[in-house]
N, C-alpha and C. Protein backbone atom coordinates (compact mmCIF):
# COMPACT_ATOMS: atom_id res chain seq x y z
N HIS A 1 143.92 120.76 161.08
CA HIS A 1 145.05 119.83 161.10
C HIS A 1 144.81 118.74 160.07
N VAL A 2 145.69 118.69 159.07
CA VAL A 2 145.54 117.70 157.99
C VAL A 2 145.98 116.33 158.48
N GLN A 3 145.15 115.36 158.17
CA GLN A 3 145.50 113.98 158.49
C GLN A 3 145.08 113.04 157.37
N LEU A 4 145.96 112.10 157.07
CA LEU A 4 145.63 110.93 156.27
C LEU A 4 146.02 109.74 157.11
N VAL A 5 145.03 108.91 157.42
CA VAL A 5 145.28 107.78 158.31
C VAL A 5 144.93 106.49 157.57
N GLU A 6 145.97 105.69 157.32
CA GLU A 6 145.76 104.41 156.64
C GLU A 6 145.47 103.32 157.66
N SER A 7 144.71 102.33 157.23
CA SER A 7 144.43 101.17 158.06
C SER A 7 144.20 99.96 157.17
N GLY A 8 144.22 98.79 157.78
CA GLY A 8 143.91 97.57 157.06
C GLY A 8 145.08 96.69 156.72
N GLY A 9 146.29 97.17 156.93
CA GLY A 9 147.46 96.34 156.66
C GLY A 9 147.52 95.15 157.60
N ASP A 10 148.12 94.08 157.10
CA ASP A 10 148.16 92.86 157.92
C ASP A 10 149.14 91.87 157.30
N LEU A 11 149.32 90.76 157.97
CA LEU A 11 150.06 89.63 157.43
C LEU A 11 149.04 88.70 156.76
N VAL A 12 149.29 88.35 155.52
CA VAL A 12 148.35 87.52 154.77
C VAL A 12 149.13 86.51 153.93
N GLN A 13 148.52 85.37 153.67
CA GLN A 13 149.17 84.35 152.86
C GLN A 13 149.06 84.70 151.38
N PRO A 14 149.98 84.22 150.58
CA PRO A 14 149.86 84.43 149.12
C PRO A 14 148.51 83.95 148.61
N GLY A 15 147.94 84.74 147.72
CA GLY A 15 146.61 84.45 147.19
C GLY A 15 145.49 85.07 147.99
N GLY A 16 145.82 85.62 149.13
CA GLY A 16 144.80 86.22 149.98
C GLY A 16 144.43 87.63 149.56
N SER A 17 143.56 88.24 150.34
CA SER A 17 143.05 89.58 150.04
C SER A 17 143.14 90.48 151.27
N LEU A 18 143.29 91.75 151.01
CA LEU A 18 143.22 92.77 152.05
C LEU A 18 142.53 93.99 151.47
N ARG A 19 141.91 94.74 152.35
CA ARG A 19 141.33 96.02 151.95
C ARG A 19 141.95 97.10 152.81
N LEU A 20 142.65 98.00 152.17
CA LEU A 20 143.23 99.14 152.86
C LEU A 20 142.28 100.32 152.77
N SER A 21 142.27 101.12 153.82
CA SER A 21 141.44 102.31 153.82
C SER A 21 142.27 103.50 154.29
N CYS A 22 141.97 104.65 153.71
CA CYS A 22 142.66 105.89 154.09
C CYS A 22 141.59 106.92 154.42
N ALA A 23 141.61 107.40 155.65
CA ALA A 23 140.65 108.40 156.09
C ALA A 23 141.32 109.77 156.10
N ALA A 24 140.69 110.72 155.42
CA ALA A 24 141.25 112.06 155.27
C ALA A 24 140.48 113.06 156.11
N SER A 25 141.19 114.04 156.62
CA SER A 25 140.56 115.12 157.35
C SER A 25 141.45 116.35 157.31
N GLY A 26 140.84 117.50 157.50
CA GLY A 26 141.60 118.74 157.58
C GLY A 26 141.85 119.44 156.26
N PHE A 27 141.33 118.90 155.17
CA PHE A 27 141.45 119.56 153.87
C PHE A 27 140.23 119.16 153.04
N VAL A 28 140.08 119.84 151.90
CA VAL A 28 138.90 119.59 151.06
C VAL A 28 139.15 118.35 150.22
N PHE A 29 138.73 117.22 150.73
CA PHE A 29 139.02 115.93 150.12
C PHE A 29 138.56 115.87 148.67
N ARG A 30 137.37 116.39 148.40
CA ARG A 30 136.77 116.22 147.08
C ARG A 30 137.50 116.99 145.99
N SER A 31 138.41 117.87 146.37
CA SER A 31 139.16 118.62 145.37
C SER A 31 140.60 118.13 145.25
N HIS A 32 140.85 116.93 145.75
CA HIS A 32 142.20 116.37 145.71
C HIS A 32 142.22 115.05 144.97
N VAL A 33 143.23 114.90 144.13
CA VAL A 33 143.55 113.63 143.51
C VAL A 33 144.17 112.74 144.59
N MET A 34 143.76 111.48 144.61
CA MET A 34 144.25 110.57 145.64
C MET A 34 145.02 109.41 145.01
N THR A 35 146.02 108.96 145.71
CA THR A 35 146.80 107.85 145.22
C THR A 35 147.23 106.94 146.36
N TRP A 36 147.48 105.71 146.04
CA TRP A 36 148.13 104.77 146.94
C TRP A 36 149.52 104.48 146.39
N ALA A 37 150.49 104.50 147.27
CA ALA A 37 151.87 104.20 146.90
C ALA A 37 152.42 103.18 147.90
N ARG A 38 153.49 102.53 147.51
CA ARG A 38 154.09 101.57 148.42
C ARG A 38 155.60 101.63 148.35
N GLN A 39 156.21 101.20 149.43
CA GLN A 39 157.66 101.13 149.47
C GLN A 39 158.08 99.84 150.16
N ALA A 40 158.74 99.00 149.38
CA ALA A 40 159.26 97.76 149.92
C ALA A 40 160.65 98.02 150.50
N PRO A 41 161.10 97.16 151.41
CA PRO A 41 162.44 97.35 152.00
C PRO A 41 163.51 97.43 150.93
N GLY A 42 164.33 98.48 151.00
CA GLY A 42 165.43 98.64 150.07
C GLY A 42 165.04 99.13 148.69
N LYS A 43 163.78 99.48 148.51
CA LYS A 43 163.32 99.93 147.19
C LYS A 43 162.72 101.32 147.30
N GLY A 44 162.53 101.92 146.15
CA GLY A 44 161.95 103.25 146.10
C GLY A 44 160.44 103.25 146.22
N LEU A 45 159.89 104.45 146.30
CA LEU A 45 158.45 104.60 146.40
C LEU A 45 157.81 104.34 145.04
N GLU A 46 156.78 103.54 145.03
CA GLU A 46 156.12 103.14 143.79
C GLU A 46 154.65 103.51 143.85
N ALA A 47 154.17 104.17 142.81
CA ALA A 47 152.74 104.44 142.72
C ALA A 47 152.02 103.14 142.39
N VAL A 48 151.01 102.84 143.14
CA VAL A 48 150.26 101.59 142.96
C VAL A 48 148.95 101.83 142.23
N ALA A 49 148.20 102.83 142.68
CA ALA A 49 146.90 103.12 142.09
C ALA A 49 146.54 104.55 142.41
N GLY A 50 145.68 105.12 141.58
CA GLY A 50 145.27 106.49 141.82
C GLY A 50 144.01 106.84 141.08
N LEU A 51 143.37 107.89 141.55
CA LEU A 51 142.11 108.34 140.97
C LEU A 51 142.16 109.84 140.74
N TYR A 52 141.90 110.24 139.51
CA TYR A 52 141.70 111.65 139.21
C TYR A 52 140.27 112.04 139.63
N LEU A 53 140.02 113.31 139.70
CA LEU A 53 138.66 113.78 139.93
C LEU A 53 137.89 113.78 138.61
N GLY A 54 136.60 113.84 138.69
CA GLY A 54 135.78 113.99 137.50
C GLY A 54 135.69 112.76 136.64
N GLY A 55 135.91 111.61 137.23
CA GLY A 55 135.79 110.38 136.46
C GLY A 55 137.06 110.05 135.70
N GLY A 56 136.94 109.26 134.69
CA GLY A 56 138.13 108.81 133.98
C GLY A 56 138.66 107.53 134.56
N SER A 57 139.52 106.91 133.80
CA SER A 57 140.04 105.61 134.23
C SER A 57 141.01 105.77 135.38
N PRO A 58 140.93 104.88 136.36
CA PRO A 58 141.92 104.89 137.44
C PRO A 58 143.29 104.51 136.89
N TYR A 59 144.30 104.90 137.63
CA TYR A 59 145.66 104.47 137.30
C TYR A 59 146.01 103.25 138.14
N TYR A 60 146.63 102.27 137.50
CA TYR A 60 147.17 101.13 138.22
C TYR A 60 148.57 100.83 137.68
N ALA A 61 149.47 100.53 138.57
CA ALA A 61 150.77 100.03 138.14
C ALA A 61 150.57 98.70 137.44
N ASP A 62 151.42 98.43 136.46
CA ASP A 62 151.30 97.17 135.71
C ASP A 62 151.33 95.96 136.64
N SER A 63 152.09 96.06 137.70
CA SER A 63 152.27 94.92 138.61
C SER A 63 151.02 94.57 139.40
N VAL A 64 150.04 95.48 139.43
CA VAL A 64 148.84 95.23 140.23
C VAL A 64 147.56 95.21 139.40
N LYS A 65 147.67 95.49 138.12
CA LYS A 65 146.48 95.52 137.27
C LYS A 65 145.75 94.19 137.32
N GLY A 66 144.44 94.28 137.45
CA GLY A 66 143.61 93.08 137.51
C GLY A 66 143.51 92.48 138.90
N ARG A 67 144.33 92.98 139.82
CA ARG A 67 144.30 92.44 141.19
C ARG A 67 143.86 93.48 142.22
N PHE A 68 144.21 94.73 141.99
CA PHE A 68 143.90 95.81 142.94
C PHE A 68 142.81 96.70 142.35
N THR A 69 141.99 97.26 143.23
CA THR A 69 140.96 98.20 142.83
C THR A 69 140.93 99.37 143.81
N ILE A 70 141.02 100.57 143.25
CA ILE A 70 140.96 101.77 144.08
C ILE A 70 139.57 102.37 143.99
N SER A 71 139.10 102.92 145.11
CA SER A 71 137.80 103.58 145.12
C SER A 71 137.84 104.70 146.15
N ARG A 72 136.99 105.67 145.96
CA ARG A 72 136.91 106.77 146.91
C ARG A 72 135.46 107.07 147.25
N ASP A 73 135.25 107.60 148.44
CA ASP A 73 133.92 107.99 148.89
C ASP A 73 134.05 109.42 149.38
N ASN A 74 133.59 110.36 148.58
CA ASN A 74 133.73 111.77 148.94
C ASN A 74 132.83 112.15 150.12
N ALA A 75 131.79 111.38 150.36
CA ALA A 75 130.91 111.66 151.50
C ALA A 75 131.60 111.27 152.81
N LYS A 76 132.42 110.25 152.76
CA LYS A 76 133.11 109.77 153.96
C LYS A 76 134.56 110.23 154.03
N ASN A 77 135.03 110.88 152.97
CA ASN A 77 136.43 111.31 152.90
C ASN A 77 137.40 110.14 153.04
N THR A 78 137.10 109.10 152.29
CA THR A 78 137.96 107.92 152.34
C THR A 78 138.35 107.48 150.93
N VAL A 79 139.50 106.85 150.86
CA VAL A 79 139.93 106.19 149.63
C VAL A 79 140.43 104.81 150.02
N ASP A 80 139.91 103.81 149.35
CA ASP A 80 140.20 102.42 149.68
C ASP A 80 141.01 101.75 148.58
N LEU A 81 141.70 100.70 148.96
CA LEU A 81 142.43 99.89 148.00
C LEU A 81 142.11 98.43 148.29
N GLN A 82 141.34 97.82 147.42
CA GLN A 82 141.04 96.40 147.54
C GLN A 82 142.14 95.62 146.84
N MET A 83 142.78 94.73 147.58
CA MET A 83 143.91 93.99 147.03
C MET A 83 143.59 92.50 147.05
N ASN A 84 143.53 91.91 145.90
CA ASN A 84 143.24 90.48 145.76
C ASN A 84 144.44 89.75 145.17
N SER A 85 144.41 88.46 145.31
CA SER A 85 145.48 87.60 144.75
C SER A 85 146.85 88.13 145.12
N LEU A 86 147.02 88.39 146.38
CA LEU A 86 148.27 89.00 146.84
C LEU A 86 149.45 88.07 146.65
N LYS A 87 150.59 88.70 146.36
CA LYS A 87 151.83 87.98 146.10
C LYS A 87 152.90 88.44 147.09
N PRO A 88 153.89 87.63 147.34
CA PRO A 88 154.97 88.07 148.26
C PRO A 88 155.59 89.39 147.83
N GLU A 89 155.65 89.65 146.54
CA GLU A 89 156.23 90.90 146.06
C GLU A 89 155.36 92.12 146.33
N ASP A 90 154.15 91.90 146.83
CA ASP A 90 153.30 93.02 147.25
C ASP A 90 153.65 93.50 148.66
N THR A 91 154.54 92.78 149.33
CA THR A 91 154.94 93.16 150.67
C THR A 91 155.59 94.53 150.66
N ALA A 92 155.05 95.44 151.46
CA ALA A 92 155.55 96.82 151.48
C ALA A 92 154.78 97.61 152.52
N MET A 93 155.29 98.80 152.79
CA MET A 93 154.51 99.79 153.53
C MET A 93 153.68 100.53 152.49
N TYR A 94 152.39 100.63 152.74
CA TYR A 94 151.48 101.28 151.81
C TYR A 94 151.05 102.63 152.37
N TYR A 95 151.12 103.64 151.51
CA TYR A 95 150.80 105.01 151.89
C TYR A 95 149.70 105.55 150.99
N CYS A 96 148.84 106.40 151.54
CA CYS A 96 147.97 107.18 150.68
C CYS A 96 148.48 108.62 150.68
N ALA A 97 148.21 109.29 149.58
CA ALA A 97 148.68 110.67 149.40
C ALA A 97 147.64 111.45 148.62
N ALA A 98 147.69 112.77 148.80
CA ALA A 98 146.72 113.65 148.17
C ALA A 98 147.42 114.81 147.49
N ALA A 99 146.92 115.16 146.31
CA ALA A 99 147.43 116.30 145.56
C ALA A 99 146.25 117.15 145.13
N GLU A 100 146.37 118.45 145.29
CA GLU A 100 145.28 119.34 144.92
C GLU A 100 145.05 119.27 143.41
N ASP A 101 143.79 119.18 143.03
CA ASP A 101 143.44 118.95 141.63
C ASP A 101 143.86 120.08 140.71
N CYS A 102 144.02 121.27 141.24
CA CYS A 102 144.38 122.42 140.39
C CYS A 102 145.85 122.39 139.98
N LEU A 103 146.63 121.51 140.59
CA LEU A 103 148.05 121.38 140.26
C LEU A 103 148.23 120.38 139.12
N PRO A 104 149.34 120.47 138.39
CA PRO A 104 149.60 119.48 137.34
C PRO A 104 149.98 118.14 137.97
N VAL A 105 149.04 117.22 137.98
CA VAL A 105 149.23 115.93 138.61
C VAL A 105 149.15 114.85 137.54
N GLU A 106 150.14 113.98 137.52
CA GLU A 106 150.10 112.84 136.63
C GLU A 106 150.31 111.58 137.45
N LEU A 107 149.28 110.80 137.57
CA LEU A 107 149.38 109.56 138.33
C LEU A 107 150.39 108.62 137.71
N GLY A 108 151.20 108.03 138.57
CA GLY A 108 152.20 107.08 138.10
C GLY A 108 153.47 107.68 137.59
N ALA A 109 153.60 108.99 137.67
CA ALA A 109 154.77 109.68 137.12
C ALA A 109 155.73 110.14 138.20
N GLY A 110 155.68 109.53 139.34
CA GLY A 110 156.57 109.94 140.42
C GLY A 110 155.87 110.88 141.38
N PHE A 111 156.62 111.28 142.38
CA PHE A 111 156.02 112.06 143.46
C PHE A 111 156.81 113.34 143.69
N GLY A 112 156.25 114.43 143.19
CA GLY A 112 156.86 115.73 143.44
C GLY A 112 156.14 116.47 144.54
N ASP A 113 156.41 117.76 144.60
CA ASP A 113 155.83 118.57 145.66
C ASP A 113 154.31 118.68 145.57
N GLU A 114 153.76 118.31 144.41
CA GLU A 114 152.31 118.39 144.28
C GLU A 114 151.59 117.44 145.23
N TRP A 115 152.31 116.39 145.62
CA TRP A 115 151.72 115.44 146.58
C TRP A 115 152.00 115.97 147.99
N ARG A 116 151.11 116.85 148.40
CA ARG A 116 151.35 117.64 149.60
C ARG A 116 151.08 116.88 150.88
N TYR A 117 150.08 115.99 150.85
CA TYR A 117 149.67 115.31 152.07
C TYR A 117 149.93 113.81 151.98
N TRP A 118 150.51 113.28 153.04
CA TRP A 118 150.85 111.87 153.11
C TRP A 118 150.41 111.29 154.45
N GLY A 119 150.02 110.02 154.42
CA GLY A 119 149.75 109.32 155.66
C GLY A 119 151.02 108.68 156.20
N GLN A 120 150.88 108.03 157.34
CA GLN A 120 152.02 107.38 158.00
C GLN A 120 152.27 105.98 157.48
N GLY A 121 151.32 105.42 156.78
CA GLY A 121 151.52 104.11 156.18
C GLY A 121 150.90 102.98 156.98
N THR A 122 150.63 101.89 156.27
CA THR A 122 150.15 100.67 156.89
C THR A 122 150.91 99.50 156.25
N GLN A 123 151.38 98.58 157.06
CA GLN A 123 152.26 97.52 156.58
C GLN A 123 151.45 96.35 156.04
N VAL A 124 151.80 95.94 154.84
CA VAL A 124 151.24 94.73 154.24
C VAL A 124 152.37 93.73 154.06
N THR A 125 152.18 92.55 154.61
CA THR A 125 153.16 91.48 154.49
C THR A 125 152.47 90.25 153.91
N VAL A 126 152.99 89.77 152.80
CA VAL A 126 152.44 88.59 152.16
C VAL A 126 153.47 87.47 152.28
N SER A 127 153.15 86.47 153.07
CA SER A 127 154.10 85.39 153.34
C SER A 127 153.38 84.13 153.79
């Protein structure tokens, strides 16, 4: 049974920090590209950060560069998102998603069927 379970969302004041975590199970985590996405009320789904396998630079949306850091632990099957200097515009439901590495995956280019696994989301409110 595939699961992606996000945690760490909360209400935080502007300028504050949060660390989101996504725990994966039921699939081969180490062979999947991982991403964090968010959806604010009335807006579309936005890719926030992502990590390809085999190293290389992480992807960050321009709006979060320098403030957010994505990391993964293949031993624990987790992918985290450290969020610093939070702004009210960061308020959204945050989701983690996984795409099998053998598929054509381009971080930040939208979300097609390659993003097979999704979590239920964790709410971040900056106010």
